[in-house]
């Protein structure tokens, strides 16, 4: 059985994999701003030009997600077991809002992953249009043209930002990068990654809704 430090390390390492994926995934999605040819060519390369490596990447991501969730649940259970009685006065001196809601934003994001895969990967798309295997651009435009679909994505991205900021910051701490000389810089890195992924992903459905991407 892993120690608490071991579980935090597993969470940190799996978190690095997931954060790397989120940045790369946004970079790929952002090609929608360069027109149909760019993002459709990218999708074609992923599915037919990687010679099976896409499935390897998916397996690694799935393993990282399972390890991340499993470690989080075990740490949560241990923390509760160590404090069977609630404090009469709860102090949040060393805690922020994101940290206090990790166990809420986590399940929301898990549900969103399932929804996202169903929507844009497997073609279980809401609306009166047919999902295209080759025209990813039109899938994005038609899908996000439905206001409530865009709303689900935007709310989910806000939950992701909430989760991501605390997760990246905690990742640095778990890996021993905790020193007054550079904590402020690491905080800025965590904030920068969070803003890039969150606002970047939100910009896509918003751009479709207001007609920039059409």
N, C-alpha and C. Protein backbone atom coordinates (compact mmCIF):
# COMPACT_ATOMS: atom_id res chain seq x y z
N UNK A 1 0.85 -1.20 0.00
CA UNK A 1 0.00 0.00 0.00
C UNK A 1 0.88 1.25 0.00
N UNK A 2 0.55 2.18 -0.88
CA UNK A 2 1.35 3.39 -0.99
C UNK A 2 1.12 4.31 0.20
N UNK A 3 2.19 5.00 0.59
CA UNK A 3 2.07 6.00 1.64
C UNK A 3 1.36 7.22 1.10
N UNK A 4 1.04 8.15 1.98
CA UNK A 4 0.39 9.39 1.55
C UNK A 4 1.29 10.14 0.58
N UNK A 5 2.59 10.17 0.87
CA UNK A 5 3.53 10.84 -0.03
C UNK A 5 3.54 10.13 -1.39
N UNK A 6 3.50 8.79 -1.36
CA UNK A 6 3.48 8.03 -2.60
C UNK A 6 2.25 8.32 -3.43
N UNK A 7 1.10 8.40 -2.76
CA UNK A 7 -0.14 8.71 -3.48
C UNK A 7 -0.10 10.11 -4.09
N UNK A 8 0.46 11.06 -3.35
CA UNK A 8 0.57 12.41 -3.88
C UNK A 8 1.51 12.45 -5.07
N UNK A 9 2.57 11.63 -5.03
CA UNK A 9 3.49 11.56 -6.15
C UNK A 9 2.81 10.97 -7.38
N UNK A 10 2.02 9.92 -7.17
CA UNK A 10 1.26 9.33 -8.28
C UNK A 10 0.31 10.36 -8.88
N UNK A 11 -0.36 11.12 -8.02
CA UNK A 11 -1.26 12.16 -8.50
C UNK A 11 -0.49 13.21 -9.31
N UNK A 12 0.70 13.57 -8.83
CA UNK A 12 1.50 14.59 -9.50
C UNK A 12 1.97 14.11 -10.87
N UNK A 13 2.50 12.89 -10.93
CA UNK A 13 3.02 12.37 -12.20
C UNK A 13 1.88 12.17 -13.21
N UNK A 14 0.78 11.58 -12.75
CA UNK A 14 -0.36 11.42 -13.65
C UNK A 14 -0.92 12.78 -14.05
N UNK A 15 -0.84 13.74 -13.14
CA UNK A 15 -1.29 15.10 -13.45
C UNK A 15 -0.45 15.75 -14.53
N UNK A 16 0.87 15.50 -14.51
CA UNK A 16 1.74 16.04 -15.55
C UNK A 16 1.31 15.53 -16.93
N UNK A 17 1.01 14.22 -16.99
CA UNK A 17 0.56 13.63 -18.26
C UNK A 17 -0.73 14.29 -18.72
N UNK A 18 -1.66 14.47 -17.78
CA UNK A 18 -2.97 15.03 -18.15
C UNK A 18 -2.87 16.50 -18.53
N UNK A 19 -2.02 17.26 -17.83
CA UNK A 19 -1.84 18.67 -18.17
C UNK A 19 -1.19 18.80 -19.55
N UNK A 20 -0.20 17.94 -19.81
CA UNK A 20 0.42 17.95 -21.14
C UNK A 20 -0.59 17.66 -22.23
N UNK A 21 -1.49 16.71 -21.95
CA UNK A 21 -2.54 16.40 -22.92
C UNK A 21 -3.46 17.60 -23.13
N UNK A 22 -3.85 18.25 -22.04
CA UNK A 22 -4.77 19.39 -22.15
C UNK A 22 -4.18 20.51 -23.00
N UNK A 23 -2.89 20.77 -22.82
CA UNK A 23 -2.24 21.82 -23.60
C UNK A 23 -2.18 21.41 -25.07
N UNK A 24 -1.77 20.16 -25.32
CA UNK A 24 -1.70 19.68 -26.69
C UNK A 24 -3.06 19.61 -27.35
N UNK A 25 -4.07 19.19 -26.58
CA UNK A 25 -5.43 19.09 -27.11
C UNK A 25 -5.96 20.47 -27.49
N UNK A 26 -5.69 21.47 -26.66
CA UNK A 26 -6.12 22.82 -27.01
C UNK A 26 -5.41 23.31 -28.26
N UNK A 27 -4.10 23.03 -28.35
CA UNK A 27 -3.34 23.47 -29.53
C UNK A 27 -3.95 22.89 -30.80
N UNK A 28 -4.36 21.62 -30.74
CA UNK A 28 -5.00 21.00 -31.89
C UNK A 28 -6.36 21.61 -32.17
N UNK A 29 -7.14 21.81 -31.13
CA UNK A 29 -8.48 22.40 -31.30
C UNK A 29 -8.41 23.82 -31.85
N UNK A 30 -7.36 24.55 -31.48
CA UNK A 30 -7.23 25.95 -31.90
C UNK A 30 -7.03 26.07 -33.41
N UNK A 31 -6.70 24.97 -34.07
CA UNK A 31 -6.57 25.00 -35.53
C UNK A 31 -7.89 25.33 -36.21
N UNK A 32 -9.00 25.23 -35.48
CA UNK A 32 -10.29 25.59 -36.05
C UNK A 32 -10.31 27.05 -36.47
N UNK A 33 -9.49 27.89 -35.83
CA UNK A 33 -9.43 29.31 -36.18
C UNK A 33 -8.71 29.54 -37.51
N UNK A 34 -8.01 28.52 -38.01
CA UNK A 34 -7.28 28.65 -39.27
C UNK A 34 -8.05 28.04 -40.45
N UNK A 35 -9.29 27.62 -40.18
CA UNK A 35 -10.14 27.13 -41.26
C UNK A 35 -10.25 25.62 -41.33
N UNK A 36 -11.15 25.15 -42.18
CA UNK A 36 -11.42 23.71 -42.28
C UNK A 36 -10.22 22.88 -42.67
N UNK A 37 -9.40 23.38 -43.59
CA UNK A 37 -8.27 22.58 -44.07
C UNK A 37 -7.30 22.24 -42.95
N UNK A 38 -7.04 23.21 -42.07
CA UNK A 38 -6.05 23.02 -41.02
C UNK A 38 -6.48 21.96 -40.01
N UNK A 39 -7.68 22.11 -39.47
CA UNK A 39 -8.10 21.17 -38.43
C UNK A 39 -8.48 19.81 -39.02
N UNK A 40 -9.00 19.78 -40.24
CA UNK A 40 -9.33 18.50 -40.86
C UNK A 40 -8.06 17.72 -41.20
N UNK A 41 -7.01 18.42 -41.63
CA UNK A 41 -5.74 17.76 -41.92
C UNK A 41 -5.12 17.23 -40.64
N UNK A 42 -5.25 17.98 -39.57
CA UNK A 42 -4.73 17.54 -38.27
C UNK A 42 -5.45 16.27 -37.80
N UNK A 43 -6.78 16.26 -37.95
CA UNK A 43 -7.55 15.08 -37.57
C UNK A 43 -7.18 13.87 -38.43
N UNK A 44 -6.99 14.09 -39.72
CA UNK A 44 -6.60 13.01 -40.62
C UNK A 44 -5.24 12.43 -40.21
N UNK A 45 -4.32 13.31 -39.85
CA UNK A 45 -3.00 12.84 -39.42
C UNK A 45 -3.09 12.00 -38.14
N UNK A 46 -3.90 12.48 -37.18
CA UNK A 46 -4.03 11.75 -35.91
C UNK A 46 -4.58 10.34 -36.13
N UNK A 47 -5.58 10.23 -36.98
CA UNK A 47 -6.28 8.96 -37.12
C UNK A 47 -5.63 8.01 -38.13
N UNK A 48 -4.89 8.57 -39.09
CA UNK A 48 -4.34 7.69 -40.13
C UNK A 48 -2.84 7.85 -40.34
N UNK A 49 -2.25 8.88 -39.75
CA UNK A 49 -0.83 9.10 -39.99
C UNK A 49 0.08 8.78 -38.83
N UNK A 50 -0.49 8.36 -37.73
CA UNK A 50 0.33 8.07 -36.54
C UNK A 50 0.65 6.58 -36.40
N UNK A 51 0.13 5.77 -37.30
CA UNK A 51 0.45 4.33 -37.34
C UNK A 51 0.20 3.63 -36.00
N UNK A 52 -0.96 3.88 -35.43
CA UNK A 52 -1.34 3.20 -34.20
C UNK A 52 -0.91 3.88 -32.92
N UNK A 53 -0.07 4.92 -33.02
CA UNK A 53 0.41 5.59 -31.81
C UNK A 53 -0.72 6.33 -31.09
N UNK A 54 -1.77 6.68 -31.84
CA UNK A 54 -2.90 7.35 -31.21
C UNK A 54 -3.52 6.46 -30.14
N UNK A 55 -3.62 5.15 -30.42
CA UNK A 55 -4.20 4.23 -29.44
C UNK A 55 -3.27 4.04 -28.25
N UNK A 56 -1.96 4.11 -28.49
CA UNK A 56 -1.01 4.05 -27.37
C UNK A 56 -1.20 5.27 -26.47
N UNK A 57 -1.33 6.44 -27.10
CA UNK A 57 -1.54 7.67 -26.34
C UNK A 57 -2.84 7.61 -25.55
N UNK A 58 -3.89 7.06 -26.17
CA UNK A 58 -5.17 6.94 -25.48
C UNK A 58 -5.07 6.00 -24.29
N UNK A 59 -4.30 4.91 -24.44
CA UNK A 59 -4.12 3.97 -23.33
C UNK A 59 -3.36 4.63 -22.18
N UNK A 60 -2.34 5.41 -22.51
CA UNK A 60 -1.57 6.11 -21.48
C UNK A 60 -2.47 7.12 -20.75
N UNK A 61 -3.28 7.84 -21.52
CA UNK A 61 -4.19 8.82 -20.92
C UNK A 61 -5.21 8.15 -20.02
N UNK A 62 -5.76 7.04 -20.47
CA UNK A 62 -6.73 6.32 -19.65
C UNK A 62 -6.08 5.86 -18.35
N UNK A 63 -4.86 5.32 -18.44
CA UNK A 63 -4.15 4.91 -17.23
C UNK A 63 -3.90 6.08 -16.30
N UNK A 64 -3.52 7.23 -16.87
CA UNK A 64 -3.27 8.41 -16.05
C UNK A 64 -4.54 8.88 -15.35
N UNK A 65 -5.67 8.86 -16.08
CA UNK A 65 -6.95 9.26 -15.48
C UNK A 65 -7.32 8.34 -14.32
N UNK A 66 -7.19 7.03 -14.53
CA UNK A 66 -7.54 6.07 -13.49
C UNK A 66 -6.63 6.21 -12.27
N UNK A 67 -5.33 6.38 -12.49
CA UNK A 67 -4.40 6.56 -11.38
C UNK A 67 -4.69 7.86 -10.64
N UNK A 68 -5.01 8.89 -11.39
CA UNK A 68 -5.28 10.20 -10.79
C UNK A 68 -6.52 10.14 -9.90
N UNK A 69 -7.58 9.54 -10.44
CA UNK A 69 -8.83 9.43 -9.68
C UNK A 69 -8.65 8.51 -8.48
N UNK A 70 -8.01 7.37 -8.71
CA UNK A 70 -7.80 6.42 -7.61
C UNK A 70 -6.99 7.01 -6.47
N UNK A 71 -5.93 7.71 -6.81
CA UNK A 71 -5.09 8.34 -5.78
C UNK A 71 -5.87 9.42 -5.03
N UNK A 72 -6.66 10.19 -5.77
CA UNK A 72 -7.44 11.26 -5.14
C UNK A 72 -8.44 10.69 -4.14
N UNK A 73 -9.12 9.61 -4.55
CA UNK A 73 -10.12 9.01 -3.66
C UNK A 73 -9.47 8.43 -2.40
N UNK A 74 -8.32 7.80 -2.56
CA UNK A 74 -7.63 7.23 -1.40
C UNK A 74 -7.15 8.33 -0.45
N UNK A 75 -6.63 9.41 -1.00
CA UNK A 75 -6.19 10.52 -0.16
C UNK A 75 -7.37 11.15 0.56
N UNK A 76 -8.49 11.29 -0.15
CA UNK A 76 -9.69 11.87 0.44
C UNK A 76 -10.19 11.00 1.60
N UNK A 77 -10.18 9.67 1.39
CA UNK A 77 -10.62 8.75 2.43
C UNK A 77 -9.68 8.80 3.64
N UNK A 78 -8.39 8.87 3.39
CA UNK A 78 -7.43 8.95 4.50
C UNK A 78 -7.58 10.23 5.30
N UNK A 79 -7.81 11.32 4.60
CA UNK A 79 -8.00 12.60 5.30
C UNK A 79 -9.24 12.56 6.18
N UNK A 80 -10.31 11.97 5.67
CA UNK A 80 -11.54 11.86 6.46
C UNK A 80 -11.35 10.93 7.66
N UNK A 81 -10.62 9.84 7.44
CA UNK A 81 -10.38 8.89 8.53
C UNK A 81 -9.51 9.51 9.62
N UNK A 82 -8.62 10.40 9.23
CA UNK A 82 -7.74 11.05 10.21
C UNK A 82 -8.48 12.12 11.01
N UNK A 83 -9.62 12.57 10.48
CA UNK A 83 -10.42 13.59 11.17
C UNK A 83 -11.86 13.12 11.26
N UNK A 84 -12.15 12.13 12.10
CA UNK A 84 -13.51 11.58 12.20
C UNK A 84 -14.53 12.60 12.69
N UNK A 85 -14.08 13.60 13.43
CA UNK A 85 -14.97 14.65 13.92
C UNK A 85 -14.61 15.96 13.26
N UNK A 86 -15.61 16.68 12.80
CA UNK A 86 -15.37 17.96 12.16
C UNK A 86 -14.91 19.00 13.19
N UNK A 87 -14.07 19.92 12.71
CA UNK A 87 -13.64 21.00 13.58
C UNK A 87 -14.83 21.89 13.94
N UNK A 88 -14.83 22.39 15.19
CA UNK A 88 -15.89 23.33 15.57
C UNK A 88 -15.77 24.62 14.77
N UNK A 89 -14.55 25.05 14.57
CA UNK A 89 -14.30 26.24 13.76
C UNK A 89 -13.40 25.82 12.62
N UNK A 90 -13.89 25.95 11.41
CA UNK A 90 -13.11 25.53 10.26
C UNK A 90 -12.28 26.69 9.74
N UNK A 91 -10.95 26.50 9.72
CA UNK A 91 -10.07 27.55 9.26
C UNK A 91 -9.54 27.19 7.88
N UNK A 92 -9.57 28.15 6.97
CA UNK A 92 -9.11 27.92 5.61
C UNK A 92 -7.89 28.79 5.31
N UNK A 93 -7.01 28.92 6.28
CA UNK A 93 -5.85 29.80 6.13
C UNK A 93 -4.98 29.33 4.97
N UNK A 94 -4.73 28.03 4.88
CA UNK A 94 -3.83 27.52 3.84
C UNK A 94 -4.59 26.86 2.71
N UNK A 95 -5.87 27.21 2.57
CA UNK A 95 -6.70 26.57 1.56
C UNK A 95 -7.40 27.63 0.73
N UNK A 96 -7.59 27.37 -0.55
CA UNK A 96 -8.34 28.30 -1.38
C UNK A 96 -9.61 27.61 -1.88
N UNK A 97 -10.40 28.36 -2.59
CA UNK A 97 -11.69 27.83 -3.04
C UNK A 97 -11.50 26.60 -3.93
N UNK A 98 -10.51 26.66 -4.82
CA UNK A 98 -10.29 25.53 -5.72
C UNK A 98 -9.96 24.27 -4.96
N UNK A 99 -9.12 24.38 -3.94
CA UNK A 99 -8.73 23.21 -3.15
C UNK A 99 -9.93 22.60 -2.45
N UNK A 100 -10.84 23.43 -1.96
CA UNK A 100 -11.98 22.93 -1.21
C UNK A 100 -13.01 22.25 -2.11
N UNK A 101 -12.94 22.50 -3.41
CA UNK A 101 -13.96 21.96 -4.30
C UNK A 101 -13.40 20.93 -5.29
N UNK A 102 -12.19 20.43 -5.06
CA UNK A 102 -11.59 19.46 -5.97
C UNK A 102 -12.45 18.21 -6.11
N UNK A 103 -13.05 17.76 -5.01
CA UNK A 103 -13.86 16.54 -5.06
C UNK A 103 -15.20 16.77 -5.73
N UNK A 104 -15.55 18.03 -5.98
CA UNK A 104 -16.76 18.34 -6.73
C UNK A 104 -16.43 18.53 -8.21
N UNK A 105 -15.38 19.32 -8.49
CA UNK A 105 -15.02 19.58 -9.88
C UNK A 105 -14.50 18.33 -10.58
N UNK A 106 -13.86 17.43 -9.83
CA UNK A 106 -13.36 16.19 -10.42
C UNK A 106 -14.43 15.36 -11.07
N UNK A 107 -15.51 14.98 -10.34
CA UNK A 107 -16.59 14.21 -10.97
C UNK A 107 -17.27 14.95 -12.12
N UNK A 108 -17.38 16.28 -12.02
CA UNK A 108 -17.96 17.06 -13.12
C UNK A 108 -17.12 16.88 -14.38
N UNK A 109 -15.80 16.95 -14.21
CA UNK A 109 -14.90 16.80 -15.36
C UNK A 109 -14.95 15.39 -15.93
N UNK A 110 -15.08 14.40 -15.06
CA UNK A 110 -15.19 13.02 -15.55
C UNK A 110 -16.43 12.86 -16.41
N UNK A 111 -17.54 13.42 -15.94
CA UNK A 111 -18.76 13.38 -16.74
C UNK A 111 -18.61 14.13 -18.05
N UNK A 112 -17.89 15.24 -18.02
CA UNK A 112 -17.68 16.01 -19.24
C UNK A 112 -16.84 15.23 -20.25
N UNK A 113 -15.83 14.50 -19.78
CA UNK A 113 -14.99 13.72 -20.68
C UNK A 113 -15.86 12.72 -21.45
N UNK A 114 -16.75 12.04 -20.73
CA UNK A 114 -17.65 11.08 -21.38
C UNK A 114 -18.53 11.79 -22.41
N UNK A 115 -19.08 12.94 -22.03
CA UNK A 115 -19.94 13.71 -22.93
C UNK A 115 -19.16 14.20 -24.15
N UNK A 116 -17.95 14.68 -23.92
CA UNK A 116 -17.12 15.21 -25.00
C UNK A 116 -16.79 14.12 -26.02
N UNK A 117 -16.42 12.94 -25.52
CA UNK A 117 -16.13 11.83 -26.42
C UNK A 117 -17.35 11.41 -27.22
N UNK A 118 -18.50 11.36 -26.55
CA UNK A 118 -19.73 10.99 -27.23
C UNK A 118 -20.09 12.01 -28.30
N UNK A 119 -19.86 13.28 -27.99
CA UNK A 119 -20.27 14.37 -28.88
C UNK A 119 -19.40 14.47 -30.12
N UNK A 120 -18.08 14.62 -29.94
CA UNK A 120 -17.21 14.94 -31.06
C UNK A 120 -16.32 13.78 -31.53
N UNK A 121 -16.27 12.69 -30.77
CA UNK A 121 -15.46 11.55 -31.20
C UNK A 121 -16.31 10.43 -31.77
N UNK A 122 -17.38 10.09 -31.06
CA UNK A 122 -18.21 8.96 -31.50
C UNK A 122 -19.44 9.38 -32.29
N UNK A 123 -19.64 10.71 -32.40
CA UNK A 123 -20.70 11.19 -33.27
C UNK A 123 -22.10 11.10 -32.71
N UNK A 124 -22.22 10.94 -31.38
CA UNK A 124 -23.55 10.93 -30.76
C UNK A 124 -23.95 12.37 -30.51
N UNK A 125 -24.14 13.10 -31.60
CA UNK A 125 -24.29 14.55 -31.53
C UNK A 125 -25.74 14.98 -31.42
N UNK A 126 -26.02 15.92 -30.52
CA UNK A 126 -27.37 16.50 -30.49
C UNK A 126 -27.59 17.39 -31.70
N UNK A 127 -28.82 17.53 -32.12
CA UNK A 127 -29.10 18.37 -33.27
C UNK A 127 -29.51 17.55 -34.48
N UNK A 128 -29.87 18.24 -35.55
CA UNK A 128 -30.41 17.57 -36.73
C UNK A 128 -29.38 17.49 -37.85
N UNK A 129 -28.14 17.21 -37.52
CA UNK A 129 -27.12 17.08 -38.54
C UNK A 129 -26.38 15.76 -38.35
N UNK A 130 -25.80 15.27 -39.44
CA UNK A 130 -25.07 14.00 -39.41
C UNK A 130 -23.61 14.25 -39.05
N UNK A 131 -23.11 13.46 -38.14
CA UNK A 131 -21.70 13.56 -37.76
C UNK A 131 -20.82 13.07 -38.92
N UNK A 132 -19.76 13.84 -39.21
CA UNK A 132 -18.86 13.49 -40.30
C UNK A 132 -17.54 12.97 -39.75
N UNK A 133 -17.06 11.86 -40.32
CA UNK A 133 -15.77 11.30 -39.89
C UNK A 133 -14.60 12.11 -40.43
N UNK A 134 -14.81 12.84 -41.52
CA UNK A 134 -13.71 13.54 -42.17
C UNK A 134 -13.76 15.06 -42.01
N UNK A 135 -14.94 15.62 -41.78
CA UNK A 135 -15.08 17.08 -41.69
C UNK A 135 -15.26 17.49 -40.23
N UNK A 136 -14.16 17.51 -39.51
CA UNK A 136 -14.19 17.88 -38.09
C UNK A 136 -14.63 19.33 -37.92
N UNK A 137 -14.23 20.17 -38.83
CA UNK A 137 -14.57 21.58 -38.76
C UNK A 137 -16.08 21.77 -38.69
N UNK A 138 -16.81 21.11 -39.57
CA UNK A 138 -18.26 21.25 -39.58
C UNK A 138 -18.90 20.62 -38.35
N UNK A 139 -18.30 19.55 -37.83
CA UNK A 139 -18.81 18.97 -36.59
C UNK A 139 -18.74 19.98 -35.45
N UNK A 140 -17.62 20.69 -35.39
CA UNK A 140 -17.43 21.70 -34.35
C UNK A 140 -18.42 22.84 -34.52
N UNK A 141 -18.51 23.35 -35.74
CA UNK A 141 -19.39 24.50 -36.00
C UNK A 141 -20.85 24.14 -35.73
N UNK A 142 -21.30 23.02 -36.26
CA UNK A 142 -22.70 22.64 -36.10
C UNK A 142 -23.02 22.28 -34.65
N UNK A 143 -22.09 21.60 -34.00
CA UNK A 143 -22.32 21.24 -32.60
C UNK A 143 -22.41 22.45 -31.69
N UNK A 144 -21.47 23.36 -31.83
CA UNK A 144 -21.44 24.53 -30.94
C UNK A 144 -22.43 25.61 -31.37
N UNK A 145 -23.08 25.44 -32.50
CA UNK A 145 -24.14 26.37 -32.89
C UNK A 145 -25.38 26.18 -32.03
N UNK A 146 -25.47 25.08 -31.33
CA UNK A 146 -26.58 24.82 -30.41
C UNK A 146 -26.22 25.46 -29.07
N UNK A 147 -26.91 26.51 -28.64
CA UNK A 147 -26.50 27.26 -27.44
C UNK A 147 -26.30 26.42 -26.20
N UNK A 148 -27.20 25.46 -25.92
CA UNK A 148 -27.05 24.71 -24.67
C UNK A 148 -25.84 23.79 -24.72
N UNK A 149 -25.45 23.33 -25.92
CA UNK A 149 -24.25 22.51 -26.04
C UNK A 149 -23.02 23.36 -25.70
N UNK A 150 -22.97 24.55 -26.27
CA UNK A 150 -21.87 25.46 -25.94
C UNK A 150 -21.87 25.79 -24.46
N UNK A 151 -23.08 25.96 -23.89
CA UNK A 151 -23.17 26.25 -22.46
C UNK A 151 -22.58 25.15 -21.61
N UNK A 152 -22.84 23.89 -21.98
CA UNK A 152 -22.27 22.76 -21.24
C UNK A 152 -20.76 22.80 -21.29
N UNK A 153 -20.21 23.09 -22.47
CA UNK A 153 -18.76 23.15 -22.61
C UNK A 153 -18.17 24.29 -21.80
N UNK A 154 -18.80 25.44 -21.84
CA UNK A 154 -18.26 26.60 -21.13
C UNK A 154 -18.26 26.37 -19.63
N UNK A 155 -19.37 25.87 -19.10
CA UNK A 155 -19.44 25.58 -17.66
C UNK A 155 -18.41 24.52 -17.28
N UNK A 156 -18.25 23.52 -18.12
CA UNK A 156 -17.28 22.46 -17.85
C UNK A 156 -15.86 23.00 -17.86
N UNK A 157 -15.57 23.94 -18.77
CA UNK A 157 -14.24 24.54 -18.82
C UNK A 157 -13.96 25.40 -17.59
N UNK A 158 -14.99 26.03 -17.05
CA UNK A 158 -14.81 26.79 -15.82
C UNK A 158 -14.49 25.85 -14.66
N UNK A 159 -15.16 24.69 -14.64
CA UNK A 159 -14.86 23.68 -13.63
C UNK A 159 -13.44 23.15 -13.82
N UNK A 160 -13.03 22.99 -15.08
CA UNK A 160 -11.67 22.54 -15.37
C UNK A 160 -10.66 23.55 -14.85
N UNK A 161 -10.91 24.84 -15.11
CA UNK A 161 -9.99 25.87 -14.63
C UNK A 161 -9.86 25.84 -13.12
N UNK A 162 -10.99 25.67 -12.44
CA UNK A 162 -11.00 25.58 -10.99
C UNK A 162 -10.15 24.40 -10.51
N UNK A 163 -10.29 23.28 -11.18
CA UNK A 163 -9.55 22.06 -10.83
C UNK A 163 -8.08 22.18 -11.22
N UNK A 164 -7.84 22.74 -12.40
CA UNK A 164 -6.50 22.78 -12.96
C UNK A 164 -5.56 23.67 -12.16
N UNK A 165 -6.04 24.83 -11.73
CA UNK A 165 -5.16 25.74 -11.00
C UNK A 165 -4.63 25.09 -9.73
N UNK A 166 -5.53 24.57 -8.92
CA UNK A 166 -5.08 23.91 -7.69
C UNK A 166 -4.26 22.66 -8.00
N UNK A 167 -4.65 21.92 -9.05
CA UNK A 167 -3.94 20.70 -9.39
C UNK A 167 -2.50 20.96 -9.79
N UNK A 168 -2.28 21.96 -10.65
CA UNK A 168 -0.91 22.27 -11.09
C UNK A 168 -0.08 22.78 -9.92
N UNK A 169 -0.68 23.64 -9.11
CA UNK A 169 0.04 24.17 -7.95
C UNK A 169 0.40 23.05 -6.98
N UNK A 170 -0.54 22.16 -6.71
CA UNK A 170 -0.29 21.03 -5.82
C UNK A 170 0.75 20.07 -6.40
N UNK A 171 0.75 19.95 -7.73
CA UNK A 171 1.72 19.09 -8.40
C UNK A 171 3.14 19.55 -8.10
N UNK A 172 3.37 20.85 -8.17
CA UNK A 172 4.69 21.38 -7.84
C UNK A 172 5.07 21.06 -6.40
N UNK A 173 4.11 21.22 -5.50
CA UNK A 173 4.38 20.97 -4.09
C UNK A 173 4.69 19.49 -3.84
N UNK A 174 3.92 18.61 -4.47
CA UNK A 174 4.11 17.17 -4.27
C UNK A 174 5.46 16.69 -4.78
N UNK A 175 5.99 17.37 -5.80
CA UNK A 175 7.27 16.98 -6.37
C UNK A 175 8.44 17.69 -5.68
N UNK A 176 8.17 18.34 -4.56
CA UNK A 176 9.22 18.96 -3.78
C UNK A 176 9.64 20.35 -4.20
N UNK A 177 8.89 20.96 -5.12
CA UNK A 177 9.24 22.31 -5.58
C UNK A 177 8.55 23.34 -4.70
N UNK A 178 8.95 23.38 -3.46
CA UNK A 178 8.31 24.26 -2.48
C UNK A 178 9.37 25.08 -1.78
N UNK A 179 9.56 26.30 -2.24
CA UNK A 179 10.58 27.17 -1.66
C UNK A 179 10.15 28.61 -1.85
N UNK A 180 10.34 29.41 -0.85
CA UNK A 180 9.91 30.81 -0.91
C UNK A 180 10.58 31.58 -2.04
N UNK A 181 11.74 31.08 -2.50
CA UNK A 181 12.48 31.80 -3.54
C UNK A 181 11.76 31.74 -4.88
N UNK A 182 10.99 30.68 -5.13
CA UNK A 182 10.35 30.57 -6.43
C UNK A 182 8.89 30.13 -6.37
N UNK A 183 8.30 30.11 -5.18
CA UNK A 183 6.88 29.76 -5.08
C UNK A 183 5.99 30.71 -5.88
N UNK A 184 6.34 32.00 -5.86
CA UNK A 184 5.53 32.98 -6.58
C UNK A 184 5.57 32.72 -8.08
N UNK A 185 6.74 32.34 -8.58
CA UNK A 185 6.85 32.04 -10.00
C UNK A 185 6.05 30.80 -10.37
N UNK A 186 6.11 29.80 -9.50
CA UNK A 186 5.34 28.58 -9.76
C UNK A 186 3.84 28.85 -9.73
N UNK A 187 3.43 29.77 -8.84
CA UNK A 187 2.02 30.16 -8.80
C UNK A 187 1.61 30.81 -10.12
N UNK A 188 2.51 31.64 -10.68
CA UNK A 188 2.23 32.29 -11.96
C UNK A 188 2.18 31.26 -13.09
N UNK A 189 3.05 30.24 -13.04
CA UNK A 189 3.01 29.19 -14.05
C UNK A 189 1.67 28.45 -13.99
N UNK A 190 1.23 28.11 -12.77
CA UNK A 190 -0.05 27.43 -12.59
C UNK A 190 -1.19 28.28 -13.14
N UNK A 191 -1.16 29.57 -12.84
CA UNK A 191 -2.20 30.47 -13.32
C UNK A 191 -2.15 30.60 -14.84
N UNK A 192 -0.94 30.70 -15.41
CA UNK A 192 -0.80 30.84 -16.85
C UNK A 192 -1.33 29.62 -17.60
N UNK A 193 -1.01 28.42 -17.11
CA UNK A 193 -1.51 27.20 -17.74
C UNK A 193 -3.03 27.14 -17.65
N UNK A 194 -3.55 27.51 -16.48
CA UNK A 194 -5.00 27.49 -16.27
C UNK A 194 -5.71 28.45 -17.23
N UNK A 195 -5.20 29.66 -17.35
CA UNK A 195 -5.83 30.65 -18.23
C UNK A 195 -5.74 30.23 -19.69
N UNK A 196 -4.58 29.69 -20.09
CA UNK A 196 -4.40 29.25 -21.48
C UNK A 196 -5.42 28.19 -21.85
N UNK A 197 -5.51 27.15 -21.02
CA UNK A 197 -6.39 26.03 -21.35
C UNK A 197 -7.86 26.42 -21.21
N UNK A 198 -8.19 27.10 -20.11
CA UNK A 198 -9.59 27.42 -19.84
C UNK A 198 -10.15 28.44 -20.83
N UNK A 199 -9.49 29.60 -20.92
CA UNK A 199 -9.99 30.65 -21.81
C UNK A 199 -9.84 30.24 -23.27
N UNK A 200 -8.76 29.52 -23.57
CA UNK A 200 -8.57 29.06 -24.94
C UNK A 200 -9.69 28.15 -25.40
N UNK A 201 -10.05 27.18 -24.57
CA UNK A 201 -11.12 26.26 -24.93
C UNK A 201 -12.49 26.95 -24.96
N UNK A 202 -12.71 27.88 -24.04
CA UNK A 202 -13.98 28.61 -24.03
C UNK A 202 -14.12 29.46 -25.29
N UNK A 203 -13.00 29.95 -25.82
CA UNK A 203 -13.06 30.83 -27.00
C UNK A 203 -13.63 30.13 -28.22
N UNK A 204 -13.52 28.79 -28.26
CA UNK A 204 -13.99 28.07 -29.46
C UNK A 204 -15.52 28.06 -29.57
N UNK A 205 -16.26 27.59 -28.55
CA UNK A 205 -17.72 27.67 -28.68
C UNK A 205 -18.23 29.10 -28.75
N UNK A 206 -17.58 30.02 -28.04
CA UNK A 206 -18.01 31.41 -28.10
C UNK A 206 -17.84 31.97 -29.51
N UNK A 207 -16.73 31.61 -30.17
CA UNK A 207 -16.48 32.09 -31.52
C UNK A 207 -17.50 31.55 -32.51
N UNK A 208 -17.96 30.32 -32.27
CA UNK A 208 -19.01 29.76 -33.12
C UNK A 208 -20.33 30.47 -32.88
N UNK A 209 -20.66 30.71 -31.61
CA UNK A 209 -21.95 31.33 -31.27
C UNK A 209 -22.06 32.74 -31.84
N UNK A 210 -20.95 33.49 -31.84
CA UNK A 210 -21.03 34.89 -32.31
C UNK A 210 -20.66 35.02 -33.78
N UNK A 211 -20.36 33.90 -34.44
CA UNK A 211 -20.18 33.91 -35.88
C UNK A 211 -18.77 34.14 -36.37
N UNK A 212 -17.77 34.16 -35.49
CA UNK A 212 -16.39 34.30 -35.95
C UNK A 212 -15.93 33.03 -36.67
N UNK A 213 -16.29 31.89 -36.10
CA UNK A 213 -16.02 30.60 -36.75
C UNK A 213 -17.36 30.09 -37.26
N UNK A 214 -17.46 29.89 -38.58
CA UNK A 214 -18.75 29.47 -39.15
C UNK A 214 -18.56 28.67 -40.43
